[in-house]
Amino acid sequence: MVMMLDTPQPEQHVQQPITRQRRTVERRDDNHTTPVKRQILAAVTLWRTLRGGLLQMMRRLQS
């Protein structure tokens, strides 16, 4: 279980610059977007990071 908890960490480090870029884009668009749109964008980025971690875990379990 400890191994499975540790596996998402490298992928999070890889994805942090991407999410930072997305956040800066969101900040530029804040003048035009509503809070609901911001929540949707946050949910999408969170879903992508979670899905990436799950896919990596599945690959490690299969190999």
Protein backbone atom coordinates (compact mmCIF):
# COMPACT_ATOMS: atom_id res chain seq x y z
CA MET A 1 0.00 0.00 0.00
CA VAL A 2 2.88 2.38 0.72
CA MET A 3 4.20 1.83 -2.81
CA MET A 4 0.78 2.59 -4.31
CA LEU A 5 0.50 5.80 -2.26
CA ASP A 6 3.95 6.90 -3.42
CA THR A 7 3.46 6.21 -7.16
CA PRO A 8 1.38 9.33 -8.08
CA GLN A 9 4.04 11.70 -6.70
CA PRO A 10 6.46 11.69 -9.71
CA GLU A 11 3.60 12.33 -12.13
CA GLN A 12 2.37 15.25 -9.99
CA HIS A 13 5.84 16.81 -10.20
CA VAL A 14 5.75 16.42 -13.99
CA GLN A 15 2.26 17.94 -14.24
CA GLN A 16 2.83 20.95 -11.94
CA PRO A 17 4.28 23.24 -14.66
CA ILE A 18 1.31 22.41 -16.93
CA THR A 19 -1.23 23.24 -14.20
CA ARG A 20 0.68 26.45 -13.41
CA GLN A 21 0.40 27.48 -17.07
CA ARG A 22 -3.32 26.71 -17.03
CA ARG A 23 -3.75 28.75 -13.84
CA THR A 24 -1.99 31.76 -15.35
CA VAL A 25 -4.29 31.49 -18.38
CA GLU A 26 -7.29 31.32 -16.04
CA ARG A 27 -6.08 34.42 -14.20
CA ARG A 28 -5.87 36.34 -17.47
CA ASP A 29 -9.43 35.26 -18.29
CA ASP A 30 -10.78 36.08 -14.81
CA ASN A 31 -12.14 39.40 -16.05
CA HIS A 32 -14.41 37.58 -18.50
CA THR A 33 -15.20 34.30 -16.68
CA THR A 34 -17.81 33.70 -14.00
CA PRO A 35 -17.02 31.88 -10.71
CA VAL A 36 -18.90 28.84 -12.06
CA LYS A 37 -16.58 28.67 -15.07
CA ARG A 38 -13.59 28.90 -12.73
CA GLN A 39 -14.96 25.99 -10.67
CA ILE A 40 -15.44 23.91 -13.82
CA LEU A 41 -11.88 24.65 -14.96
CA ALA A 42 -10.56 23.70 -11.51
CA ALA A 43 -12.55 20.45 -11.58
CA VAL A 44 -11.22 19.60 -15.05
CA THR A 45 -7.59 20.16 -14.03
CA LEU A 46 -8.11 18.11 -10.86
CA TRP A 47 -9.77 15.31 -12.86
CA ARG A 48 -6.86 15.26 -15.33
CA THR A 49 -4.28 14.96 -12.56
CA LEU A 50 -6.26 12.21 -10.79
CA ARG A 51 -6.81 10.33 -14.06
CA GLY A 52 -3.10 10.58 -14.87
CA GLY A 53 -2.20 9.10 -11.47
CA LEU A 54 -4.74 6.29 -11.89
CA LEU A 55 -3.47 5.45 -15.39
CA GLN A 56 0.11 5.33 -14.08
CA MET A 57 -0.96 2.99 -11.24
CA MET A 58 -2.76 0.71 -13.70
CA ARG A 59 0.34 0.52 -15.91
CA ARG A 60 2.53 -0.36 -12.90
CA LEU A 61 0.10 -3.06 -11.76
CA GLN A 62 -0.06 -4.62 -15.23
CA SER A 63 3.73 -4.76 -15.68
